[in-house]
Amino acid sequence: ETYRLLALQGAEVIAVPAAFHSHTGKD
């Protein structure tokens, strides 16, 4: 819902800086 709302507010590019853990990241 976060990304949908940003898109409805006109976003064309969405940045998602992360430190996504390897355990969940692989899948």
PDB file of all heavy atoms in Angstrom:
ATOM      1  N   GLU A   1       0.822  -1.205   0.000  1.00  0.00           N
ATOM      2  CA  GLU A   1       0.000   0.000   0.000  1.00  0.00           C
ATOM      3  C   GLU A   1       0.862   1.265   0.000  1.00  0.00           C
ATOM      4  O   GLU A   1       0.463   2.301  -0.531  1.00  0.00           O
ATOM      5  CB  GLU A   1      -0.961   0.012   1.193  1.00  0.00           C
ATOM      6  CG  GLU A   1      -0.315  -0.043   2.566  1.00  0.00           C
ATOM      7  CD  GLU A   1      -0.107  -1.450   3.102  1.00  0.00           C
ATOM      8  OE1 GLU A   1       0.205  -2.360   2.310  1.00  0.00           O
ATOM      9  OE2 GLU A   1      -0.236  -1.631   4.327  1.00  0.00           O
ATOM     10  N   THR A   2       2.053   1.174   0.593  1.00  0.00           N
ATOM     11  CA  THR A   2       2.971   2.315   0.594  1.00  0.00           C
ATOM     12  C   THR A   2       3.341   2.702  -0.832  1.00  0.00           C
ATOM     13  O   THR A   2       3.290   3.879  -1.213  1.00  0.00           O
ATOM     14  CB  THR A   2       4.246   1.956   1.385  1.00  0.00           C
ATOM     15  OG1 THR A   2       3.887   1.567   2.703  1.00  0.00           O
ATOM     16  CG2 THR A   2       5.206   3.131   1.443  1.00  0.00           C
ATOM     17  N   TYR A   3       3.673   1.711  -1.639  1.00  0.00           N
ATOM     18  CA  TYR A   3       4.107   1.971  -3.007  1.00  0.00           C
ATOM     19  C   TYR A   3       2.943   2.396  -3.900  1.00  0.00           C
ATOM     20  O   TYR A   3       3.095   3.239  -4.779  1.00  0.00           O
ATOM     21  CB  TYR A   3       4.832   0.732  -3.556  1.00  0.00           C
ATOM     22  CG  TYR A   3       6.151   0.544  -2.854  1.00  0.00           C
ATOM     23  CD1 TYR A   3       6.199  -0.016  -1.574  1.00  0.00           C
ATOM     24  CD2 TYR A   3       7.333   0.990  -3.415  1.00  0.00           C
ATOM     25  CE1 TYR A   3       7.398  -0.139  -0.891  1.00  0.00           C
ATOM     26  CE2 TYR A   3       8.540   0.872  -2.746  1.00  0.00           C
ATOM     27  CZ  TYR A   3       8.561   0.312  -1.477  1.00  0.00           C
ATOM     28  OH  TYR A   3       9.747   0.209  -0.809  1.00  0.00           O
ATOM     29  N   ARG A   4       1.763   1.821  -3.645  1.00  0.00           N
ATOM     30  CA  ARG A   4       0.594   2.237  -4.412  1.00  0.00           C
ATOM     31  C   ARG A   4       0.270   3.703  -4.159  1.00  0.00           C
ATOM     32  O   ARG A   4       0.000   4.471  -5.081  1.00  0.00           O
ATOM     33  CB  ARG A   4      -0.597   1.338  -4.064  1.00  0.00           C
ATOM     34  CG  ARG A   4      -1.931   1.715  -4.736  1.00  0.00           C
ATOM     35  CD  ARG A   4      -1.829   1.866  -6.249  1.00  0.00           C
ATOM     36  NE  ARG A   4      -1.239   0.758  -6.928  1.00  0.00           N
ATOM     37  CZ  ARG A   4      -1.889  -0.307  -7.386  1.00  0.00           C
ATOM     38  NH1 ARG A   4      -3.185  -0.407  -7.210  1.00  0.00           N
ATOM     39  NH2 ARG A   4      -1.237  -1.258  -8.032  1.00  0.00           N
ATOM     40  N   LEU A   5       0.327   4.111  -2.900  1.00  0.00           N
ATOM     41  CA  LEU A   5       0.039   5.505  -2.576  1.00  0.00           C
ATOM     42  C   LEU A   5       1.068   6.446  -3.188  1.00  0.00           C
ATOM     43  O   LEU A   5       0.723   7.521  -3.687  1.00  0.00           O
ATOM     44  CB  LEU A   5      -0.022   5.691  -1.057  1.00  0.00           C
ATOM     45  CG  LEU A   5      -1.256   5.092  -0.378  1.00  0.00           C
ATOM     46  CD1 LEU A   5      -1.094   5.098   1.132  1.00  0.00           C
ATOM     47  CD2 LEU A   5      -2.515   5.838  -0.783  1.00  0.00           C
ATOM     48  N   LEU A   6       2.343   6.042  -3.185  1.00  0.00           N
ATOM     49  CA  LEU A   6       3.372   6.876  -3.816  1.00  0.00           C
ATOM     50  C   LEU A   6       3.125   6.992  -5.316  1.00  0.00           C
ATOM     51  O   LEU A   6       3.271   8.066  -5.902  1.00  0.00           O
ATOM     52  CB  LEU A   6       4.759   6.299  -3.543  1.00  0.00           C
ATOM     53  CG  LEU A   6       5.262   6.426  -2.102  1.00  0.00           C
ATOM     54  CD1 LEU A   6       6.535   5.605  -1.915  1.00  0.00           C
ATOM     55  CD2 LEU A   6       5.521   7.883  -1.729  1.00  0.00           C
ATOM     56  N   ALA A   7       2.740   5.878  -5.942  1.00  0.00           N
ATOM     57  CA  ALA A   7       2.438   5.910  -7.373  1.00  0.00           C
ATOM     58  C   ALA A   7       1.250   6.824  -7.652  1.00  0.00           C
ATOM     59  O   ALA A   7       1.253   7.598  -8.620  1.00  0.00           O
ATOM     60  CB  ALA A   7       2.165   4.500  -7.888  1.00  0.00           C
ATOM     61  N   LEU A   8       0.227   6.759  -6.810  1.00  0.00           N
ATOM     62  CA  LEU A   8      -0.942   7.620  -6.996  1.00  0.00           C
ATOM     63  C   LEU A   8      -0.611   9.084  -6.749  1.00  0.00           C
ATOM     64  O   LEU A   8      -1.316   9.972  -7.240  1.00  0.00           O
ATOM     65  CB  LEU A   8      -2.077   7.162  -6.072  1.00  0.00           C
ATOM     66  CG  LEU A   8      -2.671   5.783  -6.388  1.00  0.00           C
ATOM     67  CD1 LEU A   8      -3.713   5.397  -5.342  1.00  0.00           C
ATOM     68  CD2 LEU A   8      -3.259   5.741  -7.789  1.00  0.00           C
ATOM     69  N   GLN A   9       0.467   9.334  -5.997  1.00  0.00           N
ATOM     70  CA  GLN A   9       0.927  10.704  -5.794  1.00  0.00           C
ATOM     71  C   GLN A   9       1.876  11.153  -6.904  1.00  0.00           C
ATOM     72  O   GLN A   9       2.455  12.234  -6.829  1.00  0.00           O
ATOM     73  CB  GLN A   9       1.609  10.831  -4.432  1.00  0.00           C
ATOM     74  CG  GLN A   9       0.646  10.703  -3.257  1.00  0.00           C
ATOM     75  CD  GLN A   9       1.331  10.782  -1.907  1.00  0.00           C
ATOM     76  OE1 GLN A   9       2.440  11.303  -1.785  1.00  0.00           O
ATOM     77  NE2 GLN A   9       0.682  10.258  -0.879  1.00  0.00           N
ATOM     78  N   GLY A  10       2.033  10.317  -7.922  1.00  0.00           N
ATOM     79  CA  GLY A  10       2.790  10.724  -9.102  1.00  0.00           C
ATOM     80  C   GLY A  10       4.187  10.166  -9.213  1.00  0.00           C
ATOM     81  O   GLY A  10       4.914  10.513 -10.157  1.00  0.00           O
ATOM     82  N   ALA A  11       4.604   9.289  -8.296  1.00  0.00           N
ATOM     83  CA  ALA A  11       5.969   8.744  -8.364  1.00  0.00           C
ATOM     84  C   ALA A  11       6.163   7.954  -9.658  1.00  0.00           C
ATOM     85  O   ALA A  11       5.312   7.163 -10.058  1.00  0.00           O
ATOM     86  CB  ALA A  11       6.246   7.859  -7.164  1.00  0.00           C
ATOM     87  N   GLU A  12       7.298   8.187 -10.303  1.00  0.00           N
ATOM     88  CA  GLU A  12       7.702   7.448 -11.501  1.00  0.00           C
ATOM     89  C   GLU A  12       8.870   6.514 -11.196  1.00  0.00           C
ATOM     90  O   GLU A  12       9.038   5.477 -11.829  1.00  0.00           O
ATOM     91  CB  GLU A  12       8.105   8.431 -12.601  1.00  0.00           C
ATOM     92  CG  GLU A  12       6.981   9.352 -13.024  1.00  0.00           C
ATOM     93  CD  GLU A  12       7.482  10.549 -13.813  1.00  0.00           C
ATOM     94  OE1 GLU A  12       8.407  11.244 -13.327  1.00  0.00           O
ATOM     95  OE2 GLU A  12       6.955  10.789 -14.916  1.00  0.00           O
ATOM     96  N   VAL A  13       9.681   6.914 -10.238  1.00  0.00           N
ATOM     97  CA  VAL A  13      10.795   6.120  -9.734  1.00  0.00           C
ATOM     98  C   VAL A  13      10.656   6.083  -8.213  1.00  0.00           C
ATOM     99  O   VAL A  13      10.359   7.107  -7.599  1.00  0.00           O
ATOM    100  CB  VAL A  13      12.159   6.741 -10.112  1.00  0.00           C
ATOM    101  CG1 VAL A  13      13.310   5.917  -9.540  1.00  0.00           C
ATOM    102  CG2 VAL A  13      12.295   6.887 -11.626  1.00  0.00           C
ATOM    103  N   ILE A  14      10.839   4.904  -7.618  1.00  0.00           N
ATOM    104  CA  ILE A  14      10.819   4.825  -6.155  1.00  0.00           C
ATOM    105  C   ILE A  14      12.136   4.232  -5.683  1.00  0.00           C
ATOM    106  O   ILE A  14      12.552   3.164  -6.141  1.00  0.00           O
ATOM    107  CB  ILE A  14       9.637   3.993  -5.637  1.00  0.00           C
ATOM    108  CG1 ILE A  14       8.319   4.672  -6.021  1.00  0.00           C
ATOM    109  CG2 ILE A  14       9.720   3.830  -4.121  1.00  0.00           C
ATOM    110  CD1 ILE A  14       7.073   3.960  -5.511  1.00  0.00           C
ATOM    111  N   ALA A  15      12.787   4.955  -4.798  1.00  0.00           N
ATOM    112  CA  ALA A  15      14.053   4.500  -4.225  1.00  0.00           C
ATOM    113  C   ALA A  15      13.772   3.678  -2.973  1.00  0.00           C
ATOM    114  O   ALA A  15      12.909   4.028  -2.160  1.00  0.00           O
ATOM    115  CB  ALA A  15      14.938   5.698  -3.875  1.00  0.00           C
ATOM    116  N   VAL A  16      14.510   2.574  -2.828  1.00  0.00           N
ATOM    117  CA  VAL A  16      14.373   1.737  -1.634  1.00  0.00           C
ATOM    118  C   VAL A  16      15.761   1.325  -1.154  1.00  0.00           C
ATOM    119  O   VAL A  16      16.231   0.224  -1.407  1.00  0.00           O
ATOM    120  CB  VAL A  16      13.435   0.519  -1.877  1.00  0.00           C
ATOM    121  CG1 VAL A  16      13.812  -0.247  -3.112  1.00  0.00           C
ATOM    122  CG2 VAL A  16      13.390  -0.379  -0.656  1.00  0.00           C
ATOM    123  N   PRO A  17      16.471   2.238  -0.476  1.00  0.00           N
ATOM    124  CA  PRO A  17      17.754   1.873   0.117  1.00  0.00           C
ATOM    125  C   PRO A  17      17.525   0.815   1.184  1.00  0.00           C
ATOM    126  O   PRO A  17      16.528   0.868   1.911  1.00  0.00           O
ATOM    127  CB  PRO A  17      18.254   3.192   0.726  1.00  0.00           C
ATOM    128  CG  PRO A  17      16.995   3.954   1.023  1.00  0.00           C
ATOM    129  CD  PRO A  17      16.040   3.598  -0.082  1.00  0.00           C
ATOM    130  N   ALA A  18      18.426  -0.153   1.273  1.00  0.00           N
ATOM    131  CA  ALA A  18      18.156  -1.292   2.147  1.00  0.00           C
ATOM    132  C   ALA A  18      19.428  -1.869   2.747  1.00  0.00           C
ATOM    133  O   ALA A  18      20.540  -1.640   2.255  1.00  0.00           O
ATOM    134  CB  ALA A  18      17.409  -2.387   1.372  1.00  0.00           C
ATOM    135  N   ALA A  19      19.209  -2.626   3.820  1.00  0.00           N
ATOM    136  CA  ALA A  19      20.208  -3.553   4.360  1.00  0.00           C
ATOM    137  C   ALA A  19      19.479  -4.883   4.503  1.00  0.00           C
ATOM    138  O   ALA A  19      19.388  -5.453   5.587  1.00  0.00           O
ATOM    139  CB  ALA A  19      20.766  -3.055   5.682  1.00  0.00           C
ATOM    140  N   PHE A  20      18.911  -5.335   3.406  1.00  0.00           N
ATOM    141  CA  PHE A  20      18.057  -6.526   3.372  1.00  0.00           C
ATOM    142  C   PHE A  20      18.893  -7.744   3.730  1.00  0.00           C
ATOM    143  O   PHE A  20      19.909  -8.032   3.116  1.00  0.00           O
ATOM    144  CB  PHE A  20      17.479  -6.677   1.961  1.00  0.00           C
ATOM    145  CG  PHE A  20      16.063  -7.149   1.903  1.00  0.00           C
ATOM    146  CD1 PHE A  20      15.009  -6.264   1.962  1.00  0.00           C
ATOM    147  CD2 PHE A  20      15.772  -8.507   1.771  1.00  0.00           C
ATOM    148  CE1 PHE A  20      13.690  -6.694   1.893  1.00  0.00           C
ATOM    149  CE2 PHE A  20      14.462  -8.953   1.700  1.00  0.00           C
ATOM    150  CZ  PHE A  20      13.408  -8.050   1.762  1.00  0.00           C
ATOM    151  N   HIS A  21      18.434  -8.480   4.735  1.00  0.00           N
ATOM    152  CA  HIS A  21      19.204  -9.603   5.269  1.00  0.00           C
ATOM    153  C   HIS A  21      19.340 -10.720   4.235  1.00  0.00           C
ATOM    154  O   HIS A  21      18.424 -10.988   3.453  1.00  0.00           O
ATOM    155  CB  HIS A  21      18.538 -10.140   6.531  1.00  0.00           C
ATOM    156  CG  HIS A  21      19.427 -10.998   7.371  1.00  0.00           C
ATOM    157  ND1 HIS A  21      19.685 -12.323   7.087  1.00  0.00           N
ATOM    158  CD2 HIS A  21      20.149 -10.709   8.501  1.00  0.00           C
ATOM    159  CE1 HIS A  21      20.503 -12.820   7.998  1.00  0.00           C
ATOM    160  NE2 HIS A  21      20.800 -11.862   8.868  1.00  0.00           N
ATOM    161  N   SER A  22      20.467 -11.408   4.247  1.00  0.00           N
ATOM    162  CA  SER A  22      20.726 -12.468   3.272  1.00  0.00           C
ATOM    163  C   SER A  22      19.744 -13.632   3.422  1.00  0.00           C
ATOM    164  O   SER A  22      19.399 -14.295   2.439  1.00  0.00           O
ATOM    165  CB  SER A  22      22.162 -12.979   3.407  1.00  0.00           C
ATOM    166  OG  SER A  22      22.403 -13.487   4.712  1.00  0.00           O
ATOM    167  N   HIS A  23      19.268 -13.899   4.659  1.00  0.00           N
ATOM    168  CA  HIS A  23      18.369 -15.025   4.882  1.00  0.00           C
ATOM    169  C   HIS A  23      17.056 -14.847   4.125  1.00  0.00           C
ATOM    170  O   HIS A  23      16.550 -15.778   3.491  1.00  0.00           O
ATOM    171  CB  HIS A  23      18.089 -15.195   6.374  1.00  0.00           C
ATOM    172  CG  HIS A  23      17.150 -16.313   6.693  1.00  0.00           C
ATOM    173  ND1 HIS A  23      17.539 -17.638   6.675  1.00  0.00           N
ATOM    174  CD2 HIS A  23      15.826 -16.301   7.030  1.00  0.00           C
ATOM    175  CE1 HIS A  23      16.500 -18.397   6.979  1.00  0.00           C
ATOM    176  NE2 HIS A  23      15.453 -17.619   7.205  1.00  0.00           N
ATOM    177  N   THR A  24      16.476 -13.646   4.210  1.00  0.00           N
ATOM    178  CA  THR A  24      15.233 -13.363   3.485  1.00  0.00           C
ATOM    179  C   THR A  24      15.504 -12.874   2.071  1.00  0.00           C
ATOM    180  O   THR A  24      14.700 -13.093   1.161  1.00  0.00           O
ATOM    181  CB  THR A  24      14.398 -12.319   4.232  1.00  0.00           C
ATOM    182  OG1 THR A  24      15.225 -11.162   4.485  1.00  0.00           O
ATOM    183  CG2 THR A  24      13.899 -12.856   5.561  1.00  0.00           C
ATOM    184  N   GLY A  25      16.635 -12.219   1.888  1.00  0.00           N
ATOM    185  CA  GLY A  25      16.946 -11.629   0.592  1.00  0.00           C
ATOM    186  C   GLY A  25      17.065 -12.633  -0.536  1.00  0.00           C
ATOM    187  O   GLY A  25      16.654 -12.364  -1.672  1.00  0.00           O
ATOM    188  N   LYS A  26      17.592 -13.808  -0.231  1.00  0.00           N
ATOM    189  CA  LYS A  26      17.801 -14.801  -1.290  1.00  0.00           C
ATOM    190  C   LYS A  26      16.478 -15.242  -1.910  1.00  0.00           C
ATOM    191  O   LYS A  26      16.447 -15.645  -3.088  1.00  0.00           O
ATOM    192  CB  LYS A  26      18.571 -16.003  -0.758  1.00  0.00           C
ATOM    193  CG  LYS A  26      17.892 -16.749   0.387  1.00  0.00           C
ATOM    194  CD  LYS A  26      18.776 -17.878   0.920  1.00  0.00           C
ATOM    195  CE  LYS A  26      18.217 -18.512   2.173  1.00  0.00           C
ATOM    196  NZ  LYS A  26      16.857 -19.023   2.048  1.00  0.00           N
ATOM    197  N   ASP A  27      15.397 -15.189  -1.162  1.00  0.00           N
ATOM    198  CA  ASP A  27      14.094 -15.607  -1.668  1.00  0.00           C
ATOM    199  C   ASP A  27      13.161 -14.438  -1.991  1.00  0.00           C
ATOM    200  O   ASP A  27      12.285 -14.580  -2.857  1.00  0.00           O
ATOM    201  CB  ASP A  27      13.394 -16.512  -0.651  1.00  0.00           C
ATOM    202  CG  ASP A  27      14.159 -17.799  -0.390  1.00  0.00           C
ATOM    203  OD1 ASP A  27      14.654 -18.386  -1.365  1.00  0.00           O
ATOM    204  OD2 ASP A  27      14.264 -18.198   0.782  1.00  0.00           O
TER     205      ASP A  27
END
